[in-house]
Amino acid sequence: DMGMPYMDGKVLARKIKEISPDTPVILLSGWGSLIKANGEPPDNIDYLLGKPPRMSILKSAILEVLSRGCDPL
């Protein structure tokens, strides 16, 4: 998520990718539609979803990032 205490989603995504570059990162945010409207998702984000996601859309996002060859850990 983008709004977390101590660290926002962009910082967390960057730290995850520093440790494990192939780990997929899906950003789930109430600001998802605003971020999409402004263009590309933030760096280190493999998929961007708005809140609340429908289960079918969440499932599609997971399948998409895994099909790209990301390491699911």
C-alpha atoms as a PDB file:
ATOM      1  CA  ASP A   1       0.000   0.000   0.000  1.00  0.00           C
ATOM      2  CA  MET A   2       1.132   3.571  -0.438  1.00  0.00           C
ATOM      3  CA  GLY A   3      -0.001   4.865   2.954  1.00  0.00           C
ATOM      4  CA  MET A   4       1.776   2.862   5.654  1.00  0.00           C
ATOM      5  CA  PRO A   5       3.438   4.035   8.844  1.00  0.00           C
ATOM      6  CA  TYR A   6       7.222   4.498   8.703  1.00  0.00           C
ATOM      7  CA  MET A   7       7.548   3.570   5.012  1.00  0.00           C
ATOM      8  CA  ASP A   8       5.390   4.049   1.933  1.00  0.00           C
ATOM      9  CA  GLY A   9       4.786   1.436  -0.752  1.00  0.00           C
ATOM     10  CA  LYS A  10       7.354   2.894  -3.150  1.00  0.00           C
ATOM     11  CA  VAL A  11      10.123   2.610  -0.557  1.00  0.00           C
ATOM     12  CA  LEU A  12       9.058  -0.918   0.390  1.00  0.00           C
ATOM     13  CA  ALA A  13       8.981  -1.990  -3.276  1.00  0.00           C
ATOM     14  CA  ARG A  14      12.477  -0.564  -3.801  1.00  0.00           C
ATOM     15  CA  LYS A  15      13.815  -2.427  -0.765  1.00  0.00           C
ATOM     16  CA  ILE A  16      12.210  -5.695  -1.895  1.00  0.00           C
ATOM     17  CA  LYS A  17      13.733  -5.352  -5.367  1.00  0.00           C
ATOM     18  CA  GLU A  18      17.168  -4.523  -3.889  1.00  0.00           C
ATOM     19  CA  ILE A  19      17.098  -7.787  -1.932  1.00  0.00           C
ATOM     20  CA  SER A  20      15.376  -9.918  -4.569  1.00  0.00           C
ATOM     21  CA  PRO A  21      15.003  -8.277  -7.988  1.00  0.00           C
ATOM     22  CA  ASP A  22      12.824 -11.074  -9.395  1.00  0.00           C
ATOM     23  CA  THR A  23      10.257 -10.984  -6.592  1.00  0.00           C
ATOM     24  CA  PRO A  24       6.982  -9.659  -8.001  1.00  0.00           C
ATOM     25  CA  VAL A  25       5.536  -6.568  -6.329  1.00  0.00           C
ATOM     26  CA  ILE A  26       1.847  -5.720  -6.654  1.00  0.00           C
ATOM     27  CA  LEU A  27       0.893  -2.303  -5.320  1.00  0.00           C
ATOM     28  CA  LEU A  28      -2.625  -2.263  -3.901  1.00  0.00           C
ATOM     29  CA  SER A  29      -3.675   1.287  -3.186  1.00  0.00           C
ATOM     30  CA  GLY A  30      -6.729   3.435  -2.769  1.00  0.00           C
ATOM     31  CA  TRP A  31      -4.799   5.867  -4.957  1.00  0.00           C
ATOM     32  CA  GLY A  32      -4.460   3.288  -7.740  1.00  0.00           C
ATOM     33  CA  SER A  33      -6.729   5.084 -10.206  1.00  0.00           C
ATOM     34  CA  LEU A  34      -4.896   8.391  -9.630  1.00  0.00           C
ATOM     35  CA  ILE A  35      -1.516   6.757 -10.113  1.00  0.00           C
ATOM     36  CA  LYS A  36      -2.728   5.081 -13.320  1.00  0.00           C
ATOM     37  CA  ALA A  37      -4.127   8.372 -14.601  1.00  0.00           C
ATOM     38  CA  ASN A  38      -0.700   9.983 -14.152  1.00  0.00           C
ATOM     39  CA  GLY A  39       1.023   7.407 -16.378  1.00  0.00           C
ATOM     40  CA  GLU A  40       3.387   4.616 -15.525  1.00  0.00           C
ATOM     41  CA  PRO A  41       3.322   2.909 -12.118  1.00  0.00           C
ATOM     42  CA  PRO A  42       6.128   3.814  -9.722  1.00  0.00           C
ATOM     43  CA  ASP A  43       9.532   2.187 -10.173  1.00  0.00           C
ATOM     44  CA  ASN A  44       9.847  -1.361  -8.817  1.00  0.00           C
ATOM     45  CA  ILE A  45       6.099  -2.001  -9.083  1.00  0.00           C
ATOM     46  CA  ASP A  46       5.153  -4.908 -11.344  1.00  0.00           C
ATOM     47  CA  TYR A  47       1.393  -4.397 -11.201  1.00  0.00           C
ATOM     48  CA  LEU A  48      -0.854  -1.683  -9.835  1.00  0.00           C
ATOM     49  CA  LEU A  49      -4.325  -2.332  -8.409  1.00  0.00           C
ATOM     50  CA  GLY A  50      -6.863   0.062  -6.962  1.00  0.00           C
ATOM     51  CA  LYS A  51      -8.802  -0.645  -3.785  1.00  0.00           C
ATOM     52  CA  PRO A  52     -10.951  -2.523  -3.276  1.00  0.00           C
ATOM     53  CA  PRO A  53      -9.949  -5.105  -5.872  1.00  0.00           C
ATOM     54  CA  ARG A  54     -12.346  -7.755  -7.083  1.00  0.00           C
ATOM     55  CA  MET A  55     -11.028 -11.254  -6.449  1.00  0.00           C
ATOM     56  CA  SER A  56     -10.944 -11.987 -10.198  1.00  0.00           C
ATOM     57  CA  ILE A  57      -8.788  -8.910 -10.836  1.00  0.00           C
ATOM     58  CA  LEU A  58      -6.427  -9.779  -7.982  1.00  0.00           C
ATOM     59  CA  LYS A  59      -6.099 -13.315  -9.340  1.00  0.00           C
ATOM     60  CA  SER A  60      -5.367 -11.947 -12.825  1.00  0.00           C
ATOM     61  CA  ALA A  61      -2.701  -9.623 -11.439  1.00  0.00           C
ATOM     62  CA  ILE A  62      -0.973 -12.477  -9.627  1.00  0.00           C
ATOM     63  CA  LEU A  63      -1.070 -14.696 -12.706  1.00  0.00           C
ATOM     64  CA  GLU A  64       0.264 -11.847 -14.854  1.00  0.00           C
ATOM     65  CA  VAL A  65       3.315 -11.120 -12.682  1.00  0.00           C
ATOM     66  CA  LEU A  66       4.086 -14.815 -12.352  1.00  0.00           C
ATOM     67  CA  SER A  67       3.805 -15.341 -16.120  1.00  0.00           C
ATOM     68  CA  ARG A  68       6.452 -12.657 -16.658  1.00  0.00           C
ATOM     69  CA  GLY A  69       8.969 -14.946 -15.006  1.00  0.00           C
ATOM     70  CA  CYS A  70       9.076 -13.223 -11.639  1.00  0.00           C
ATOM     71  CA  ASP A  71      10.261 -15.368  -8.759  1.00  0.00           C
ATOM     72  CA  PRO A  72       7.225 -16.122  -6.533  1.00  0.00           C
ATOM     73  CA  LEU A  73       9.393 -17.100  -3.545  1.00  0.00           C
END
